[in-house]
N, C-alpha and C. Protein backbone atom coordinates (compact mmCIF):
# COMPACT_ATOMS: atom_id res chain seq x y z
N TRP A 1 0.84 -1.17 0.00
CA TRP A 1 0.00 0.00 0.00
C TRP A 1 0.88 1.23 0.00
N ARG A 2 0.45 2.26 -0.76
CA ARG A 2 1.19 3.52 -0.83
C ARG A 2 0.27 4.67 -0.50
N ARG A 3 0.85 5.67 0.16
CA ARG A 3 0.11 6.91 0.38
C ARG A 3 -0.01 7.62 -0.96
N LYS A 4 -1.15 8.21 -1.23
CA LYS A 4 -1.33 8.95 -2.48
C LYS A 4 -0.56 10.27 -2.47
N ASP A 5 -0.45 10.91 -1.30
CA ASP A 5 0.17 12.23 -1.25
C ASP A 5 1.70 12.17 -1.29
N THR A 6 2.32 11.12 -0.77
CA THR A 6 3.79 11.03 -0.76
C THR A 6 4.33 9.91 -1.64
N ALA A 7 3.47 9.01 -2.07
CA ALA A 7 3.84 7.83 -2.86
C ALA A 7 4.76 6.89 -2.08
N LYS A 8 4.81 7.05 -0.76
CA LYS A 8 5.63 6.19 0.09
C LYS A 8 4.85 4.94 0.48
N TRP A 9 5.55 3.83 0.52
CA TRP A 9 4.94 2.58 0.98
C TRP A 9 4.66 2.66 2.47
N TYR A 10 3.52 2.12 2.89
CA TYR A 10 3.25 1.99 4.32
C TYR A 10 2.80 0.58 4.66
N GLY A 11 2.64 -0.28 3.69
CA GLY A 11 2.28 -1.65 3.98
C GLY A 11 2.36 -2.53 2.75
N ALA A 12 2.59 -3.81 3.00
CA ALA A 12 2.60 -4.80 1.94
C ALA A 12 2.14 -6.13 2.52
N ILE A 13 1.18 -6.74 1.85
CA ILE A 13 0.71 -8.06 2.26
C ILE A 13 1.42 -9.08 1.37
N LEU A 14 2.02 -10.07 2.01
CA LEU A 14 2.83 -11.05 1.30
C LEU A 14 2.50 -12.46 1.75
N THR A 15 2.83 -13.41 0.92
CA THR A 15 2.77 -14.82 1.26
C THR A 15 4.20 -15.33 1.23
N VAL A 16 4.69 -15.82 2.37
CA VAL A 16 6.08 -16.26 2.47
C VAL A 16 6.17 -17.58 3.22
N SER A 17 7.28 -18.23 3.03
CA SER A 17 7.58 -19.43 3.81
C SER A 17 7.91 -18.99 5.23
N LYS A 18 7.41 -19.71 6.21
CA LYS A 18 7.71 -19.38 7.60
C LYS A 18 9.21 -19.42 7.88
N SER A 19 9.94 -20.20 7.11
CA SER A 19 11.39 -20.26 7.28
C SER A 19 12.03 -18.90 7.01
N LYS A 20 11.42 -18.06 6.18
CA LYS A 20 11.93 -16.71 5.91
C LYS A 20 11.83 -15.83 7.15
N LEU A 21 10.98 -16.21 8.09
CA LEU A 21 10.81 -15.47 9.34
C LEU A 21 11.62 -16.10 10.47
N ALA A 22 12.52 -16.99 10.11
CA ALA A 22 13.36 -17.72 11.07
C ALA A 22 12.55 -18.67 11.94
N LEU A 23 11.44 -19.15 11.41
CA LEU A 23 10.64 -20.17 12.09
C LEU A 23 11.02 -21.53 11.53
N GLU A 24 10.92 -22.54 12.35
CA GLU A 24 11.30 -23.88 11.94
C GLU A 24 10.15 -24.58 11.22
N SER A 25 9.79 -24.02 10.08
CA SER A 25 8.71 -24.59 9.28
C SER A 25 8.84 -24.06 7.86
N SER A 26 8.47 -24.89 6.92
CA SER A 26 8.45 -24.42 5.53
C SER A 26 7.02 -24.14 5.08
N ASP A 27 6.08 -24.20 6.03
CA ASP A 27 4.69 -23.87 5.70
C ASP A 27 4.60 -22.43 5.21
N ILE A 28 3.57 -22.15 4.44
CA ILE A 28 3.35 -20.81 3.90
C ILE A 28 2.53 -20.00 4.91
N ALA A 29 2.89 -18.73 5.04
CA ALA A 29 2.17 -17.83 5.95
C ALA A 29 1.85 -16.53 5.22
N GLU A 30 0.70 -15.97 5.55
CA GLU A 30 0.37 -14.63 5.08
C GLU A 30 0.86 -13.65 6.12
N VAL A 31 1.54 -12.61 5.66
CA VAL A 31 2.11 -11.60 6.55
C VAL A 31 1.81 -10.21 6.01
N ILE A 32 1.98 -9.23 6.89
CA ILE A 32 1.91 -7.84 6.46
C ILE A 32 3.16 -7.14 6.97
N ASP A 33 3.80 -6.40 6.09
CA ASP A 33 4.95 -5.57 6.47
C ASP A 33 4.45 -4.16 6.71
N LEU A 34 4.84 -3.58 7.85
CA LEU A 34 4.40 -2.24 8.24
C LEU A 34 5.55 -1.43 8.80
N ARG A 35 5.52 -0.14 8.57
CA ARG A 35 6.49 0.77 9.19
C ARG A 35 6.17 0.84 10.68
N TYR A 36 7.22 1.09 11.48
CA TYR A 36 7.00 1.25 12.92
C TYR A 36 8.08 2.17 13.46
N TYR A 37 7.83 2.71 14.64
CA TYR A 37 8.79 3.63 15.27
C TYR A 37 10.11 2.92 15.50
N PRO A 38 11.21 3.42 14.93
CA PRO A 38 12.51 2.75 15.11
C PRO A 38 12.90 2.60 16.58
N ASN A 39 12.58 3.58 17.41
CA ASN A 39 12.99 3.53 18.82
C ASN A 39 12.10 2.59 19.65
N LYS A 40 11.02 2.09 19.09
CA LYS A 40 10.13 1.17 19.80
C LYS A 40 10.07 -0.21 19.15
N LEU A 41 10.78 -0.37 18.06
CA LEU A 41 10.68 -1.60 17.28
C LEU A 41 11.18 -2.82 18.04
N GLU A 42 12.29 -2.68 18.75
CA GLU A 42 12.86 -3.83 19.47
C GLU A 42 11.87 -4.40 20.49
N LYS A 43 11.18 -3.52 21.20
CA LYS A 43 10.18 -3.98 22.18
C LYS A 43 9.03 -4.71 21.49
N LEU A 44 8.56 -4.16 20.36
CA LEU A 44 7.48 -4.81 19.61
C LEU A 44 7.91 -6.20 19.13
N LEU A 45 9.13 -6.31 18.65
CA LEU A 45 9.62 -7.58 18.12
C LEU A 45 9.80 -8.64 19.20
N SER A 46 9.82 -8.24 20.45
CA SER A 46 9.93 -9.21 21.54
C SER A 46 8.59 -9.89 21.83
N GLU A 47 7.52 -9.39 21.24
CA GLU A 47 6.19 -9.96 21.45
C GLU A 47 5.89 -11.02 20.40
N SER A 48 5.01 -11.93 20.73
CA SER A 48 4.63 -13.01 19.83
C SER A 48 3.88 -12.47 18.60
N GLY A 49 4.22 -12.99 17.43
CA GLY A 49 3.53 -12.62 16.20
C GLY A 49 4.22 -11.53 15.40
N TYR A 50 5.30 -10.95 15.95
CA TYR A 50 6.01 -9.86 15.28
C TYR A 50 7.42 -10.29 14.93
N TYR A 51 7.87 -9.86 13.74
CA TYR A 51 9.19 -10.25 13.25
C TYR A 51 9.85 -9.04 12.58
N PRO A 52 11.17 -9.07 12.44
CA PRO A 52 11.82 -7.98 11.71
C PRO A 52 11.25 -7.90 10.28
N GLY A 53 11.18 -6.71 9.75
CA GLY A 53 10.63 -6.53 8.40
C GLY A 53 11.25 -7.49 7.40
N TRP A 54 10.45 -8.38 6.86
CA TRP A 54 11.00 -9.41 5.99
C TRP A 54 11.45 -8.85 4.65
N HIS A 55 10.65 -8.06 4.02
CA HIS A 55 10.95 -7.59 2.67
C HIS A 55 11.39 -6.13 2.67
N MET A 56 11.45 -5.50 3.84
CA MET A 56 11.75 -4.07 3.94
C MET A 56 12.93 -3.84 4.89
N ASN A 57 13.27 -2.58 5.10
CA ASN A 57 14.35 -2.19 6.00
C ASN A 57 14.02 -2.63 7.42
N LYS A 58 14.86 -3.44 7.99
CA LYS A 58 14.58 -4.01 9.32
C LYS A 58 14.71 -3.00 10.45
N LYS A 59 15.23 -1.81 10.17
CA LYS A 59 15.33 -0.76 11.19
C LYS A 59 14.03 0.03 11.31
N ASN A 60 13.20 -0.01 10.29
CA ASN A 60 11.98 0.80 10.25
C ASN A 60 10.70 0.01 9.99
N TRP A 61 10.81 -1.28 9.76
CA TRP A 61 9.66 -2.08 9.39
C TRP A 61 9.56 -3.33 10.27
N CYS A 62 8.35 -3.77 10.47
CA CYS A 62 8.11 -5.05 11.14
C CYS A 62 7.22 -5.89 10.25
N THR A 63 7.28 -7.17 10.46
CA THR A 63 6.41 -8.11 9.77
C THR A 63 5.48 -8.72 10.81
N VAL A 64 4.20 -8.73 10.50
CA VAL A 64 3.20 -9.31 11.39
C VAL A 64 2.61 -10.52 10.68
N ILE A 65 2.67 -11.66 11.33
CA ILE A 65 2.09 -12.87 10.75
C ILE A 65 0.57 -12.81 10.95
N LEU A 66 -0.16 -13.08 9.90
CA LEU A 66 -1.62 -12.96 9.93
C LEU A 66 -2.26 -14.31 10.22
N ASP A 67 -1.99 -14.80 11.41
CA ASP A 67 -2.53 -16.10 11.82
C ASP A 67 -3.45 -15.98 13.03
N GLY A 68 -3.81 -14.75 13.39
CA GLY A 68 -4.68 -14.53 14.54
C GLY A 68 -3.92 -14.29 15.83
N SER A 69 -2.59 -14.42 15.81
CA SER A 69 -1.82 -14.23 17.04
C SER A 69 -1.76 -12.76 17.46
N VAL A 70 -1.97 -11.85 16.52
CA VAL A 70 -2.05 -10.42 16.82
C VAL A 70 -3.51 -10.01 16.68
N PRO A 71 -4.10 -9.45 17.73
CA PRO A 71 -5.53 -9.06 17.66
C PRO A 71 -5.77 -8.02 16.56
N ASP A 72 -6.95 -8.09 15.97
CA ASP A 72 -7.32 -7.16 14.89
C ASP A 72 -7.15 -5.71 15.31
N GLU A 73 -7.54 -5.37 16.55
CA GLU A 73 -7.45 -3.99 17.01
C GLU A 73 -6.00 -3.50 16.97
N LYS A 74 -5.07 -4.36 17.39
CA LYS A 74 -3.64 -4.01 17.37
C LYS A 74 -3.16 -3.88 15.93
N LEU A 75 -3.60 -4.76 15.06
CA LEU A 75 -3.22 -4.71 13.66
C LEU A 75 -3.70 -3.40 13.02
N PHE A 76 -4.93 -3.01 13.31
CA PHE A 76 -5.46 -1.74 12.77
C PHE A 76 -4.65 -0.55 13.29
N GLU A 77 -4.27 -0.61 14.56
CA GLU A 77 -3.44 0.45 15.16
C GLU A 77 -2.09 0.54 14.44
N LEU A 78 -1.49 -0.62 14.17
CA LEU A 78 -0.20 -0.65 13.49
C LEU A 78 -0.30 -0.11 12.06
N ILE A 79 -1.39 -0.41 11.38
CA ILE A 79 -1.60 0.12 10.02
C ILE A 79 -1.70 1.64 10.07
N ASP A 80 -2.44 2.17 11.04
CA ASP A 80 -2.55 3.63 11.19
C ASP A 80 -1.19 4.26 11.46
N ILE A 81 -0.40 3.66 12.34
CA ILE A 81 0.94 4.18 12.65
C ILE A 81 1.80 4.16 11.39
N SER A 82 1.77 3.06 10.67
CA SER A 82 2.57 2.93 9.47
C SER A 82 2.20 4.00 8.44
N TYR A 83 0.91 4.25 8.29
CA TYR A 83 0.46 5.28 7.35
C TYR A 83 1.01 6.65 7.76
N LYS A 84 0.94 6.96 9.04
CA LYS A 84 1.41 8.26 9.53
C LYS A 84 2.92 8.41 9.37
N LEU A 85 3.67 7.31 9.47
CA LEU A 85 5.12 7.37 9.36
C LEU A 85 5.61 7.49 7.91
N ALA A 86 4.75 7.25 6.95
CA ALA A 86 5.15 7.28 5.54
C ALA A 86 5.00 8.68 4.95
N VAL A 87 5.57 9.66 5.62
CA VAL A 87 5.41 11.04 5.15
C VAL A 87 6.68 11.66 4.59
N LYS A 88 7.85 11.12 4.90
CA LYS A 88 9.11 11.74 4.47
C LYS A 88 9.46 11.39 3.06
C-alpha cells in the first residue's frame, strides 16, 4: 500500500515461507509488512507474532504474521501508525 500524497509505501501483504521469518517450518504464511517507530521496534519484536521486516528495511519495518496471534485492534493500530510514518 502507498500513500497517495507522498507515494511512500506503508504496507505490503505477502505470502512467504515461515522459514523466511526464522521459524522452523516451511509452511506458507500470510504476513503484512508495516512501518514502525525505530525507537520502539525492538520492544514490539519481543512480542509473539512480530518479526523484523521481511521484505523491507529491518530498522523501520516489522512483519506481522496474519494467523490470529495479533488481535485485529492491534493490527489496525499498526496500520494507522505505518500510514502516519510514511510522510518523508
